[in-house]
Amino acid sequence: MPPTAPLPILKNPHAVLRASAAPLSPADMTGEAVQDLIAAMCETLKNTADGVGLAAPQVGRSVRLFIVSEEAEEIDKLERRREEHKKKTGEHGDELIYEPRPWKYYVFINPVVKKVARRKIHAPEGCLSVPKKYGMVGRSEKITVEAYDEEGKKFTRGASRFFARVIQHELDHLDGTLFIDKVDEWLDIADKPDKLETKK
């Protein structure tokens, strides 16, 4: 079986990026076409430099599906370690890093938001579909979503901090919303963070 090839990522202002994506039926979720799409999206995300999340509309498929890299969890763990380091030493802990590795990808099909925190955190975001633009966006600190995985099994997942931000970013894609619609303050490209809100 030949390896899955990465897909082209659509760039703003492509019309698909502004459309409301269609839900997938239970049969479609586990069908060959969607399974091939998931595999191709994982390969696409793996081959991006900064991405940690990718929505199906970004690769031209207007269906309610997105993936998030396990790396988003690693970024949250690193941030917590740095916060603890700063409390103990008073230093930022920039020397603390994590080792990149082959990440697994979490699949969210037909996601539905069940709960969001009132508290919002403003942080930098960027998008693979909006290259070379970065801005501060307010997102809920925590979110709980219900969705289906790649096997068509329903699950509920809660997330906080960076992982919650990535999920919210990808959810927006399914409704035709881009991060540029929510920017509070634009950032110079020189201020681009190492990892942005989403892989998106």
C-alpha atoms as a PDB file:
ATOM      1  CA  MET A   1       0.000   0.000   0.000  1.00  0.00           C
ATOM      2  CA  PRO A   2       1.583   3.335  -1.044  1.00  0.00           C
ATOM      3  CA  PRO A   3       2.235   5.928   1.663  1.00  0.00           C
ATOM      4  CA  THR A   4      -0.367   8.642   2.124  1.00  0.00           C
ATOM      5  CA  ALA A   5       0.618  11.918   0.482  1.00  0.00           C
ATOM      6  CA  PRO A   6       0.128  15.319   2.158  1.00  0.00           C
ATOM      7  CA  LEU A   7      -2.731  17.432   0.830  1.00  0.00           C
ATOM      8  CA  PRO A   8      -2.490  21.062  -0.321  1.00  0.00           C
ATOM      9  CA  ILE A   9      -3.657  23.504   2.349  1.00  0.00           C
ATOM     10  CA  LEU A  10      -6.169  26.079   1.127  1.00  0.00           C
ATOM     11  CA  LYS A  11      -5.330  29.718   1.722  1.00  0.00           C
ATOM     12  CA  ASN A  12      -7.643  32.593   2.544  1.00  0.00           C
ATOM     13  CA  PRO A  13      -9.782  33.827   0.731  1.00  0.00           C
ATOM     14  CA  HIS A  14     -10.735  30.406  -0.683  1.00  0.00           C
ATOM     15  CA  ALA A  15     -14.526  29.992  -0.514  1.00  0.00           C
ATOM     16  CA  VAL A  16     -14.405  26.610   1.243  1.00  0.00           C
ATOM     17  CA  LEU A  17     -12.752  28.256   4.240  1.00  0.00           C
ATOM     18  CA  ARG A  18     -15.804  30.466   4.683  1.00  0.00           C
ATOM     19  CA  ALA A  19     -18.467  27.773   4.321  1.00  0.00           C
ATOM     20  CA  SER A  20     -20.283  25.957   7.112  1.00  0.00           C
ATOM     21  CA  ALA A  21     -19.084  22.352   6.978  1.00  0.00           C
ATOM     22  CA  ALA A  22     -21.548  19.459   6.746  1.00  0.00           C
ATOM     23  CA  PRO A  23     -21.845  16.760   9.417  1.00  0.00           C
ATOM     24  CA  LEU A  24     -20.816  13.209   8.601  1.00  0.00           C
ATOM     25  CA  SER A  25     -23.226  10.297   8.871  1.00  0.00           C
ATOM     26  CA  PRO A  26     -22.313   7.297  11.065  1.00  0.00           C
ATOM     27  CA  ALA A  27     -21.682   5.236   7.929  1.00  0.00           C
ATOM     28  CA  ASP A  28     -19.458   7.928   6.421  1.00  0.00           C
ATOM     29  CA  MET A  29     -17.329   8.214   9.565  1.00  0.00           C
ATOM     30  CA  THR A  30     -15.926   4.723   9.142  1.00  0.00           C
ATOM     31  CA  GLY A  31     -16.147   4.627   5.349  1.00  0.00           C
ATOM     32  CA  GLU A  32     -13.086   4.429   3.153  1.00  0.00           C
ATOM     33  CA  ALA A  33     -13.302   8.015   1.907  1.00  0.00           C
ATOM     34  CA  VAL A  34     -13.258   9.534   5.412  1.00  0.00           C
ATOM     35  CA  GLN A  35     -10.601   7.112   6.648  1.00  0.00           C
ATOM     36  CA  ASP A  36      -8.415   8.103   3.703  1.00  0.00           C
ATOM     37  CA  LEU A  37      -9.094  11.764   4.449  1.00  0.00           C
ATOM     38  CA  ILE A  38      -8.057  11.345   8.101  1.00  0.00           C
ATOM     39  CA  ALA A  39      -4.845   9.585   7.083  1.00  0.00           C
ATOM     40  CA  ALA A  40      -4.060  12.317   4.560  1.00  0.00           C
ATOM     41  CA  MET A  41      -4.787  15.072   7.090  1.00  0.00           C
ATOM     42  CA  CYS A  42      -2.447  13.450   9.615  1.00  0.00           C
ATOM     43  CA  GLU A  43       0.283  13.277   6.992  1.00  0.00           C
ATOM     44  CA  THR A  44      -0.390  16.897   6.005  1.00  0.00           C
ATOM     45  CA  LEU A  45      -0.161  18.114   9.585  1.00  0.00           C
ATOM     46  CA  LYS A  46       2.997  16.094  10.163  1.00  0.00           C
ATOM     47  CA  ASN A  47       4.610  17.902   7.242  1.00  0.00           C
ATOM     48  CA  THR A  48       3.890  21.436   8.478  1.00  0.00           C
ATOM     49  CA  ALA A  49       6.454  23.407  10.429  1.00  0.00           C
ATOM     50  CA  ASP A  50       4.237  25.034  13.062  1.00  0.00           C
ATOM     51  CA  GLY A  51       0.867  23.297  12.967  1.00  0.00           C
ATOM     52  CA  VAL A  52      -0.721  21.384  15.826  1.00  0.00           C
ATOM     53  CA  GLY A  53      -4.267  21.193  14.456  1.00  0.00           C
ATOM     54  CA  LEU A  54      -5.938  20.889  11.059  1.00  0.00           C
ATOM     55  CA  ALA A  55      -9.569  21.057   9.971  1.00  0.00           C
ATOM     56  CA  ALA A  56     -11.005  19.283   6.936  1.00  0.00           C
ATOM     57  CA  PRO A  57     -12.084  22.543   5.225  1.00  0.00           C
ATOM     58  CA  GLN A  58      -8.442  23.575   5.161  1.00  0.00           C
ATOM     59  CA  VAL A  59      -7.735  20.729   2.750  1.00  0.00           C
ATOM     60  CA  GLY A  60     -10.835  21.379   0.669  1.00  0.00           C
ATOM     61  CA  ARG A  61     -13.255  18.962   2.363  1.00  0.00           C
ATOM     62  CA  SER A  62     -16.241  20.807   3.824  1.00  0.00           C
ATOM     63  CA  VAL A  63     -17.099  18.257   6.508  1.00  0.00           C
ATOM     64  CA  ARG A  64     -17.146  18.548  10.292  1.00  0.00           C
ATOM     65  CA  LEU A  65     -13.854  16.894  11.098  1.00  0.00           C
ATOM     66  CA  PHE A  66     -10.588  18.112  12.563  1.00  0.00           C
ATOM     67  CA  ILE A  67      -7.461  16.640  14.097  1.00  0.00           C
ATOM     68  CA  VAL A  68      -5.204  17.853  16.907  1.00  0.00           C
ATOM     69  CA  SER A  69      -1.626  16.760  17.456  1.00  0.00           C
ATOM     70  CA  GLU A  70      -0.522  15.209  20.724  1.00  0.00           C
ATOM     71  CA  GLU A  71       2.115  17.938  20.643  1.00  0.00           C
ATOM     72  CA  ALA A  72      -0.513  20.381  21.953  1.00  0.00           C
ATOM     73  CA  GLU A  73      -0.549  18.403  25.198  1.00  0.00           C
ATOM     74  CA  GLU A  74       3.243  18.479  25.324  1.00  0.00           C
ATOM     75  CA  ILE A  75       3.198  22.254  24.958  1.00  0.00           C
ATOM     76  CA  ASP A  76       0.825  22.508  27.925  1.00  0.00           C
ATOM     77  CA  LYS A  77       3.074  20.246  30.013  1.00  0.00           C
ATOM     78  CA  LEU A  78       6.090  22.373  29.141  1.00  0.00           C
ATOM     79  CA  GLU A  79       4.287  25.566  30.123  1.00  0.00           C
ATOM     80  CA  ARG A  80       3.357  24.065  33.490  1.00  0.00           C
ATOM     81  CA  ARG A  81       6.962  22.990  34.081  1.00  0.00           C
ATOM     82  CA  ARG A  82       8.142  26.506  33.302  1.00  0.00           C
ATOM     83  CA  GLU A  83       5.586  28.008  35.670  1.00  0.00           C
ATOM     84  CA  GLU A  84       6.734  25.705  38.462  1.00  0.00           C
ATOM     85  CA  HIS A  85      10.358  26.479  37.644  1.00  0.00           C
ATOM     86  CA  LYS A  86       9.680  30.205  37.852  1.00  0.00           C
ATOM     87  CA  LYS A  87       7.965  29.846  41.235  1.00  0.00           C
ATOM     88  CA  LYS A  88      10.965  27.974  42.619  1.00  0.00           C
ATOM     89  CA  THR A  89      13.805  29.948  41.023  1.00  0.00           C
ATOM     90  CA  GLY A  90      12.325  33.235  39.818  1.00  0.00           C
ATOM     91  CA  GLU A  91      13.648  32.475  36.331  1.00  0.00           C
ATOM     92  CA  HIS A  92      11.566  31.904  33.202  1.00  0.00           C
ATOM     93  CA  GLY A  93      12.967  28.464  32.458  1.00  0.00           C
ATOM     94  CA  ASP A  94      13.510  29.071  28.766  1.00  0.00           C
ATOM     95  CA  GLU A  95      16.104  26.305  28.825  1.00  0.00           C
ATOM     96  CA  LEU A  96      13.338  23.806  29.547  1.00  0.00           C
ATOM     97  CA  ILE A  97      12.223  22.217  26.296  1.00  0.00           C
ATOM     98  CA  TYR A  98      10.630  19.014  25.055  1.00  0.00           C
ATOM     99  CA  GLU A  99      11.981  16.581  22.520  1.00  0.00           C
ATOM    100  CA  PRO A 100       9.994  16.390  19.272  1.00  0.00           C
ATOM    101  CA  ARG A 101       8.885  12.874  18.393  1.00  0.00           C
ATOM    102  CA  PRO A 102       6.398  11.182  16.071  1.00  0.00           C
ATOM    103  CA  TRP A 103       3.142  12.567  17.458  1.00  0.00           C
ATOM    104  CA  LYS A 104      -0.185  10.799  17.460  1.00  0.00           C
ATOM    105  CA  TYR A 105      -3.264  12.695  16.321  1.00  0.00           C
ATOM    106  CA  TYR A 106      -6.640  13.018  18.025  1.00  0.00           C
ATOM    107  CA  VAL A 107      -9.619  12.893  15.661  1.00  0.00           C
ATOM    108  CA  PHE A 108     -12.801  14.914  16.278  1.00  0.00           C
ATOM    109  CA  ILE A 109     -15.787  14.182  14.011  1.00  0.00           C
ATOM    110  CA  ASN A 110     -19.058  16.125  14.304  1.00  0.00           C
ATOM    111  CA  PRO A 111     -17.836  17.915  17.457  1.00  0.00           C
ATOM    112  CA  VAL A 112     -20.382  19.617  19.702  1.00  0.00           C
ATOM    113  CA  VAL A 113     -19.419  22.064  22.453  1.00  0.00           C
ATOM    114  CA  LYS A 114     -20.876  20.977  25.794  1.00  0.00           C
ATOM    115  CA  LYS A 115     -19.273  23.534  28.094  1.00  0.00           C
ATOM    116  CA  VAL A 116     -16.901  26.502  27.971  1.00  0.00           C
ATOM    117  CA  ALA A 117     -15.276  28.465  30.761  1.00  0.00           C
ATOM    118  CA  ARG A 118     -16.222  32.099  31.175  1.00  0.00           C
ATOM    119  CA  ARG A 119     -12.612  33.073  31.771  1.00  0.00           C
ATOM    120  CA  LYS A 120     -10.789  33.931  28.581  1.00  0.00           C
ATOM    121  CA  ILE A 121      -7.089  33.970  27.876  1.00  0.00           C
ATOM    122  CA  HIS A 122      -5.608  36.228  25.203  1.00  0.00           C
ATOM    123  CA  ALA A 123      -2.683  34.680  23.359  1.00  0.00           C
ATOM    124  CA  PRO A 124      -1.005  34.720  19.927  1.00  0.00           C
ATOM    125  CA  GLU A 125      -2.528  32.738  17.088  1.00  0.00           C
ATOM    126  CA  GLY A 126      -1.682  32.027  13.493  1.00  0.00           C
ATOM    127  CA  CYS A 127      -3.077  29.754  10.820  1.00  0.00           C
ATOM    128  CA  LEU A 128      -1.745  27.577   8.033  1.00  0.00           C
ATOM    129  CA  SER A 129      -4.518  28.957   5.844  1.00  0.00           C
ATOM    130  CA  VAL A 130      -3.551  32.568   6.622  1.00  0.00           C
ATOM    131  CA  PRO A 131       0.241  32.559   6.257  1.00  0.00           C
ATOM    132  CA  LYS A 132       2.460  35.211   7.795  1.00  0.00           C
ATOM    133  CA  LYS A 133      -0.279  36.793   9.912  1.00  0.00           C
ATOM    134  CA  TYR A 134      -0.336  36.584  13.703  1.00  0.00           C
ATOM    135  CA  GLY A 135      -2.532  38.230  16.292  1.00  0.00           C
ATOM    136  CA  MET A 136      -3.823  38.115  19.847  1.00  0.00           C
ATOM    137  CA  VAL A 137      -7.095  36.221  20.208  1.00  0.00           C
ATOM    138  CA  GLY A 138      -9.228  35.700  23.302  1.00  0.00           C
ATOM    139  CA  ARG A 139     -10.325  32.097  23.861  1.00  0.00           C
ATOM    140  CA  SER A 140     -12.044  30.328  26.745  1.00  0.00           C
ATOM    141  CA  GLU A 141      -9.528  28.846  29.166  1.00  0.00           C
ATOM    142  CA  LYS A 142     -11.384  25.524  29.241  1.00  0.00           C
ATOM    143  CA  ILE A 143     -13.732  23.663  26.920  1.00  0.00           C
ATOM    144  CA  THR A 144     -15.567  20.347  26.858  1.00  0.00           C
ATOM    145  CA  VAL A 145     -16.625  18.812  23.556  1.00  0.00           C
ATOM    146  CA  GLU A 146     -18.503  15.715  22.514  1.00  0.00           C
ATOM    147  CA  ALA A 147     -17.416  14.124  19.239  1.00  0.00           C
ATOM    148  CA  TYR A 148     -16.757  10.871  17.405  1.00  0.00           C
ATOM    149  CA  ASP A 149     -13.335   9.349  16.859  1.00  0.00           C
ATOM    150  CA  GLU A 150     -11.961   7.674  13.737  1.00  0.00           C
ATOM    151  CA  GLU A 151     -13.728   4.434  14.670  1.00  0.00           C
ATOM    152  CA  GLY A 152     -17.097   6.153  14.896  1.00  0.00           C
ATOM    153  CA  LYS A 153     -17.162   5.936  18.710  1.00  0.00           C
ATOM    154  CA  LYS A 154     -18.618   8.849  20.657  1.00  0.00           C
ATOM    155  CA  PHE A 155     -16.438  10.426  23.342  1.00  0.00           C
ATOM    156  CA  THR A 156     -16.390  13.484  25.576  1.00  0.00           C
ATOM    157  CA  ARG A 157     -13.167  15.364  26.154  1.00  0.00           C
ATOM    158  CA  GLY A 158     -12.318  18.297  28.353  1.00  0.00           C
ATOM    159  CA  ALA A 159      -9.330  20.514  27.600  1.00  0.00           C
ATOM    160  CA  SER A 160      -7.687  23.579  29.065  1.00  0.00           C
ATOM    161  CA  ARG A 161      -5.059  26.134  28.208  1.00  0.00           C
ATOM    162  CA  PHE A 162      -3.293  25.610  24.859  1.00  0.00           C
ATOM    163  CA  PHE A 163      -5.127  22.402  23.966  1.00  0.00           C
ATOM    164  CA  ALA A 164      -8.459  24.167  24.568  1.00  0.00           C
ATOM    165  CA  ARG A 165      -7.306  27.013  22.342  1.00  0.00           C
ATOM    166  CA  VAL A 166      -6.440  24.640  19.521  1.00  0.00           C
ATOM    167  CA  ILE A 167      -9.834  22.954  19.743  1.00  0.00           C
ATOM    168  CA  GLN A 168     -11.634  26.299  19.622  1.00  0.00           C
ATOM    169  CA  HIS A 169      -9.536  27.397  16.672  1.00  0.00           C
ATOM    170  CA  GLU A 170     -10.421  24.235  14.742  1.00  0.00           C
ATOM    171  CA  LEU A 171     -14.091  24.439  15.701  1.00  0.00           C
ATOM    172  CA  ASP A 172     -14.166  27.891  14.132  1.00  0.00           C
ATOM    173  CA  HIS A 173     -12.921  26.409  10.865  1.00  0.00           C
ATOM    174  CA  LEU A 174     -15.947  24.142  10.714  1.00  0.00           C
ATOM    175  CA  ASP A 175     -18.200  27.205  10.820  1.00  0.00           C
ATOM    176  CA  GLY A 176     -16.304  29.221   8.233  1.00  0.00           C
ATOM    177  CA  THR A 177     -14.598  31.458  10.796  1.00  0.00           C
ATOM    178  CA  LEU A 178     -10.889  32.327  10.689  1.00  0.00           C
ATOM    179  CA  PHE A 179      -8.768  33.602  13.540  1.00  0.00           C
ATOM    180  CA  ILE A 180      -8.358  36.896  11.697  1.00  0.00           C
ATOM    181  CA  ASP A 181     -12.051  37.561  12.422  1.00  0.00           C
ATOM    182  CA  LYS A 182     -11.309  37.564  16.161  1.00  0.00           C
ATOM    183  CA  VAL A 183      -7.946  39.306  16.450  1.00  0.00           C
ATOM    184  CA  ASP A 184      -7.743  41.966  19.171  1.00  0.00           C
ATOM    185  CA  GLU A 185      -4.233  43.091  18.313  1.00  0.00           C
ATOM    186  CA  TRP A 186      -2.030  42.270  15.331  1.00  0.00           C
ATOM    187  CA  LEU A 187       1.521  41.101  15.963  1.00  0.00           C
ATOM    188  CA  ASP A 188       4.612  41.741  13.910  1.00  0.00           C
ATOM    189  CA  ILE A 189       5.897  38.608  12.202  1.00  0.00           C
ATOM    190  CA  ALA A 190       9.116  39.017  14.231  1.00  0.00           C
ATOM    191  CA  ASP A 191       7.012  38.377  17.364  1.00  0.00           C
ATOM    192  CA  LYS A 192       5.753  35.032  16.041  1.00  0.00           C
ATOM    193  CA  PRO A 193       5.800  32.466  18.877  1.00  0.00           C
ATOM    194  CA  ASP A 194       7.434  29.083  18.409  1.00  0.00           C
ATOM    195  CA  LYS A 195       4.088  27.326  18.534  1.00  0.00           C
ATOM    196  CA  LEU A 196       0.849  29.034  17.733  1.00  0.00           C
ATOM    197  CA  GLU A 197      -2.682  28.497  18.855  1.00  0.00           C
ATOM    198  CA  THR A 198      -3.272  25.784  16.429  1.00  0.00           C
ATOM    199  CA  LYS A 199      -1.656  23.808  13.867  1.00  0.00           C
ATOM    200  CA  LYS A 200      -4.321  24.878  11.813  1.00  0.00           C
END
